[in-house]
Amino acid sequence: MMTKSDSVKRTADPTANPAQGTTAMLKNVAAFMALTRRLQSRDFTLPGIGVFHGYSGYGKSMAAIYAQNKTGAIYVEVGESWTKKTLIQKILFEAGGQPRGTIADMTEKVIATLGQDPDRPLIIDEADKLVDKGNIEIVREIHDAAQVPVILIGEEQLPAKLISVERVHNRVLDWTAAQPCDLEDARALAELFVGDVEIGDDLLAEICRQSDGRARRIVVNLYKVREHGRNTGAMMLDQTSYKGGFFTGQPPVRKRRAA
């Protein structure tokens, strides 16, 4: 299943197609939306932090951007060099405020701004970096004071890392693991990106296997198949007729020179 009506604000992820203004409704997109809705509809006595975690390339950021477009969420992606002040400045800027003043001043502004709309989620991508640098507690402070849904996105080890930060860990309402793409997801991506070339299910299944279920790699392989089809004039390709290679993410093996 896929959507053709929702524009995508950010197009850094290859599973979002800026040319068509569409995004594929993969299972991880649906799972992220379900997590967001659970947090929004929770009882006021319950904590409001959700964690969406999984391996790189599963489409976590694309799912977050889809949810941002659907809910008007504030979305920030943590950079490697970010400090606590940088985080607050970015959140405040995305919330429509002026990122000026001390960390304490800006945090109060963030809390006040978010508190005006308690259903508006705050999505923090690459949250692992906040835990690694000891900056995640400020997110807990914002959550506690503003009572807004907060979704932390990170790699597979994010839940284990949060165990060491008890006050944040205790405020997690739900943990959702991103899953590898399956045949249905690959079919949705193929329809979105290479609709001019028909790809058989057997070839799509092999693409999933060669791509390790990672959406980014699947898209790369779909483009390779489309290029092969255009070069050969074949508008329908299956595993038998496709003679091209696959992108697996592995570097090429260096050949030994003959002695």
Protein backbone atom coordinates (compact mmCIF):
# COMPACT_ATOMS: atom_id res chain seq x y z
CA MET A 1 0.00 0.00 0.00
CA MET A 2 1.23 3.51 -0.67
CA THR A 3 0.06 7.08 -0.52
CA LYS A 4 -0.05 9.53 -3.42
CA SER A 5 -1.59 12.57 -1.78
CA ASP A 6 0.81 13.64 0.95
CA SER A 7 3.61 16.01 0.08
CA VAL A 8 6.95 15.34 1.70
CA LYS A 9 8.60 18.33 3.38
CA ARG A 10 12.04 16.75 3.63
CA THR A 11 13.46 14.49 0.97
CA ALA A 12 16.84 13.35 2.30
CA ASP A 13 15.69 9.75 2.49
CA PRO A 14 15.57 7.87 -0.83
CA THR A 15 12.27 6.26 0.08
CA ALA A 16 10.66 9.66 -0.34
CA ASN A 17 10.31 10.68 -3.97
CA PRO A 18 10.49 14.47 -4.41
CA ALA A 19 9.81 14.31 -8.13
CA GLN A 20 6.41 12.74 -7.58
CA GLY A 21 5.71 14.33 -4.18
CA THR A 22 4.80 10.95 -2.77
CA THR A 23 6.00 8.47 -0.21
CA ALA A 24 5.66 4.71 0.07
CA MET A 25 3.52 3.52 2.97
CA LEU A 26 5.90 0.86 4.19
CA LYS A 27 5.18 -1.19 7.30
CA ASN A 28 7.63 0.88 9.31
CA VAL A 29 5.80 4.05 8.31
CA ALA A 30 2.54 2.54 9.55
CA ALA A 31 4.24 1.34 12.76
CA PHE A 32 5.65 4.79 13.45
CA MET A 33 2.24 6.39 12.91
CA ALA A 34 0.66 3.86 15.28
CA LEU A 35 3.26 4.71 17.93
CA THR A 36 2.58 8.41 17.46
CA ARG A 37 -1.18 7.96 17.82
CA ARG A 38 -0.75 5.85 20.97
CA LEU A 39 1.26 8.61 22.57
CA GLN A 40 -1.20 11.29 21.52
CA SER A 41 -4.21 9.38 22.87
CA ARG A 42 -2.65 8.20 26.14
CA ASP A 43 -4.27 8.90 29.49
CA PHE A 44 -2.87 12.03 31.14
CA THR A 45 -1.51 9.92 34.02
CA LEU A 46 0.76 7.94 31.66
CA PRO A 47 4.25 8.89 30.46
CA GLY A 48 4.56 10.14 26.89
CA ILE A 49 7.92 9.01 25.53
CA GLY A 50 8.08 6.50 22.70
CA VAL A 51 11.20 4.86 21.25
CA PHE A 52 11.47 3.80 17.61
CA HIS A 53 14.64 1.83 17.09
CA GLY A 54 16.25 -0.36 14.46
CA TYR A 55 19.14 -0.90 12.11
CA SER A 56 20.36 1.76 9.71
CA GLY A 57 18.54 1.84 6.39
CA TYR A 58 15.21 0.49 7.63
CA GLY A 59 13.46 3.79 6.81
CA LYS A 60 13.10 5.16 10.35
CA SER A 61 13.75 8.77 9.35
CA MET A 62 11.39 8.54 6.39
CA ALA A 63 8.68 7.21 8.73
CA ALA A 64 9.30 10.14 11.06
CA ILE A 65 9.01 12.67 8.24
CA TYR A 66 5.73 11.12 7.14
CA ALA A 67 4.42 11.44 10.72
CA GLN A 68 5.65 15.03 10.84
CA ASN A 69 3.64 15.87 7.75
CA LYS A 70 0.57 14.11 9.14
CA THR A 71 0.65 15.56 12.66
CA GLY A 72 2.58 18.83 12.40
CA ALA A 73 5.21 17.41 14.72
CA ILE A 74 8.43 19.21 15.52
CA TYR A 75 11.26 17.20 14.00
CA VAL A 76 14.96 17.56 14.71
CA GLU A 77 17.83 15.31 13.66
CA VAL A 78 20.70 15.42 16.12
CA GLY A 79 24.11 16.15 14.63
CA GLU A 80 27.36 14.55 15.71
CA SER A 81 28.74 17.89 16.94
CA TRP A 82 25.62 19.05 18.77
CA THR A 83 25.79 20.29 22.33
CA LYS A 84 22.88 20.63 24.73
CA LYS A 85 22.55 24.26 23.66
CA THR A 86 22.46 23.33 19.98
CA LEU A 87 19.63 20.86 20.65
CA ILE A 88 17.51 23.45 22.45
CA GLN A 89 18.20 26.06 19.78
CA LYS A 90 17.09 23.67 17.02
CA ILE A 91 13.93 22.61 18.85
CA LEU A 92 13.01 26.22 19.57
CA PHE A 93 13.67 27.25 15.98
CA GLU A 94 11.51 24.40 14.62
CA ALA A 95 8.78 25.37 17.08
CA GLY A 96 8.74 28.88 15.65
CA GLY A 97 10.60 30.63 18.45
CA GLN A 98 13.70 32.79 18.54
CA PRO A 99 16.71 30.69 19.63
CA ARG A 100 18.34 33.30 21.86
CA GLY A 101 19.33 33.41 25.52
CA THR A 102 20.79 30.92 27.95
CA ILE A 103 20.05 27.20 27.82
CA ALA A 104 17.68 27.62 30.76
CA ASP A 105 15.88 30.54 29.09
CA MET A 106 15.45 28.70 25.81
CA THR A 107 14.31 25.53 27.56
CA GLU A 108 11.56 27.48 29.28
CA LYS A 109 10.54 28.93 25.91
CA VAL A 110 10.42 25.44 24.40
CA ILE A 111 8.30 24.14 27.26
CA ALA A 112 5.91 27.09 27.01
CA THR A 113 5.59 26.78 23.22
CA LEU A 114 5.05 23.02 23.19
CA GLY A 115 2.67 23.22 26.13
CA GLN A 116 0.29 25.30 24.05
CA ASP A 117 -0.47 22.27 21.89
CA PRO A 118 -0.01 19.07 23.95
CA ASP A 119 -0.99 16.84 21.01
CA ARG A 120 1.87 18.11 18.84
CA PRO A 121 4.67 15.52 19.01
CA LEU A 122 8.35 16.24 19.38
CA ILE A 123 10.39 13.83 17.24
CA ILE A 124 14.12 13.56 17.92
CA ASP A 125 16.08 11.56 15.36
CA GLU A 126 19.56 10.16 16.05
CA ALA A 127 18.74 10.27 19.77
CA ASP A 128 21.59 7.84 20.46
CA LYS A 129 23.95 10.80 20.25
CA LEU A 130 22.14 12.57 23.09
CA VAL A 131 22.49 9.52 25.33
CA ASP A 132 26.16 9.05 24.42
CA LYS A 133 26.97 12.66 25.33
CA GLY A 134 24.83 12.77 28.48
CA ASN A 135 22.35 15.26 27.01
CA ILE A 136 19.17 13.18 27.06
CA GLU A 137 17.99 14.47 30.47
CA ILE A 138 17.00 17.80 28.96
CA VAL A 139 14.54 15.93 26.74
CA ARG A 140 13.02 14.37 29.87
CA GLU A 141 12.71 17.85 31.39
CA ILE A 142 10.81 19.08 28.32
CA HIS A 143 8.57 16.01 28.34
CA ASP A 144 7.73 16.33 32.03
CA ALA A 145 6.93 20.03 31.88
CA ALA A 146 5.17 20.28 28.50
CA GLN A 147 3.46 16.84 28.62
CA VAL A 148 3.77 16.45 24.86
CA PRO A 149 4.43 13.15 23.06
CA VAL A 150 8.16 12.70 22.57
CA ILE A 151 9.49 10.11 20.12
CA LEU A 152 13.15 9.14 20.24
CA ILE A 153 14.55 7.52 17.10
CA GLY A 154 17.80 5.62 17.12
CA GLU A 155 19.76 2.55 16.18
CA GLU A 156 19.19 -0.95 17.47
CA GLN A 157 21.11 -0.33 20.71
CA LEU A 158 19.11 2.74 21.77
CA PRO A 159 16.85 0.82 24.22
CA ALA A 160 19.89 -0.72 25.91
CA LYS A 161 21.54 2.68 26.17
CA LEU A 162 18.45 4.20 27.78
CA ILE A 163 18.47 1.60 30.55
CA SER A 164 21.43 3.45 32.03
CA VAL A 165 19.40 6.67 32.20
CA GLU A 166 16.73 5.53 34.64
CA ARG A 167 14.67 8.72 34.78
CA VAL A 168 14.24 8.68 31.00
CA HIS A 169 13.81 4.91 30.76
CA ASN A 170 10.98 5.01 33.31
CA ARG A 171 9.06 7.48 31.17
CA VAL A 172 8.94 5.33 28.04
CA LEU A 173 5.38 4.27 27.31
CA ASP A 174 6.11 2.17 24.24
CA TRP A 175 9.06 0.62 22.41
CA THR A 176 8.66 -0.06 18.69
CA ALA A 177 11.27 -1.91 16.66
CA ALA A 178 11.62 -1.08 12.98
CA GLN A 179 11.46 -4.19 10.81
CA PRO A 180 13.32 -5.12 7.62
CA CYS A 181 11.41 -4.54 4.40
CA ASP A 182 9.51 -7.52 3.04
CA LEU A 183 8.16 -8.34 -0.41
CA GLU A 184 5.11 -6.13 0.03
CA ASP A 185 7.31 -3.18 0.99
CA ALA A 186 9.60 -3.80 -1.98
CA ARG A 187 6.58 -3.93 -4.28
CA ALA A 188 5.36 -0.55 -2.95
CA LEU A 189 8.81 0.97 -3.49
CA ALA A 190 9.00 -0.48 -7.00
CA GLU A 191 5.62 0.97 -7.91
CA LEU A 192 6.70 4.35 -6.60
CA PHE A 193 10.17 4.55 -8.13
CA VAL A 194 10.27 2.33 -11.22
CA GLY A 195 6.67 2.16 -12.31
CA ASP A 196 7.72 2.24 -15.96
CA VAL A 197 9.43 -1.15 -15.58
CA GLU A 198 7.47 -4.16 -14.32
CA ILE A 199 9.47 -6.23 -11.85
CA GLY A 200 8.48 -9.78 -11.02
CA ASP A 201 7.95 -10.85 -7.41
CA ASP A 202 10.81 -13.33 -7.62
CA LEU A 203 13.23 -10.53 -8.53
CA LEU A 204 11.77 -8.25 -5.85
CA ALA A 205 12.26 -11.00 -3.28
CA GLU A 206 15.88 -11.39 -4.37
CA ILE A 207 16.37 -7.63 -4.14
CA CYS A 208 15.07 -7.75 -0.56
CA ARG A 209 17.49 -10.56 0.26
CA GLN A 210 20.48 -8.89 -1.39
CA SER A 211 19.58 -5.57 0.31
CA ASP A 212 19.26 -7.16 3.76
CA GLY A 213 15.76 -5.71 4.00
CA ARG A 214 17.09 -2.15 4.09
CA ALA A 215 14.90 0.35 2.27
CA ARG A 216 17.78 2.52 1.10
CA ARG A 217 19.55 -0.39 -0.56
CA ILE A 218 16.31 -1.68 -2.06
CA VAL A 219 15.79 1.68 -3.76
CA VAL A 220 19.35 1.63 -5.10
CA ASN A 221 18.79 -1.86 -6.52
CA LEU A 222 15.46 -0.86 -8.03
CA TYR A 223 17.21 1.90 -9.94
CA LYS A 224 19.81 -0.61 -11.12
CA VAL A 225 17.03 -2.85 -12.43
CA ARG A 226 15.30 0.09 -14.11
CA GLU A 227 18.55 1.13 -15.78
CA HIS A 228 19.08 -2.44 -17.00
CA GLY A 229 15.54 -2.52 -18.39
CA ARG A 230 15.95 0.76 -20.23
CA ASN A 231 19.32 -0.26 -21.65
CA THR A 232 18.00 -3.59 -22.91
CA GLY A 233 14.53 -2.41 -23.88
CA ALA A 234 12.92 -4.88 -21.47
CA MET A 235 9.84 -3.44 -19.79
CA MET A 236 9.27 -6.55 -17.69
CA LEU A 237 12.05 -8.17 -15.70
CA ASP A 238 12.17 -11.17 -13.41
CA GLN A 239 15.02 -13.06 -11.79
CA THR A 240 15.68 -15.02 -14.97
CA SER A 241 15.76 -12.12 -17.39
CA TYR A 242 17.65 -9.67 -15.17
CA LYS A 243 21.37 -10.01 -15.90
CA GLY A 244 22.61 -7.13 -13.79
CA GLY A 245 24.21 -7.15 -10.36
CA PHE A 246 22.97 -6.11 -6.93
CA PHE A 247 24.11 -3.49 -4.49
CA THR A 248 24.66 -5.15 -1.12
CA GLY A 249 26.52 -2.41 0.69
CA GLN A 250 29.66 -4.52 0.79
CA PRO A 251 32.85 -3.01 -0.64
CA PRO A 252 34.31 -4.76 -3.69
CA VAL A 253 36.85 -7.49 -3.00
CA ARG A 254 40.31 -6.40 -4.04
CA LYS A 255 41.80 -8.76 -6.57
CA ARG A 256 45.30 -10.04 -5.98
CA ARG A 257 47.92 -9.21 -8.54
CA ALA A 258 49.43 -12.12 -10.31
CA ALA A 259 52.95 -12.87 -9.11
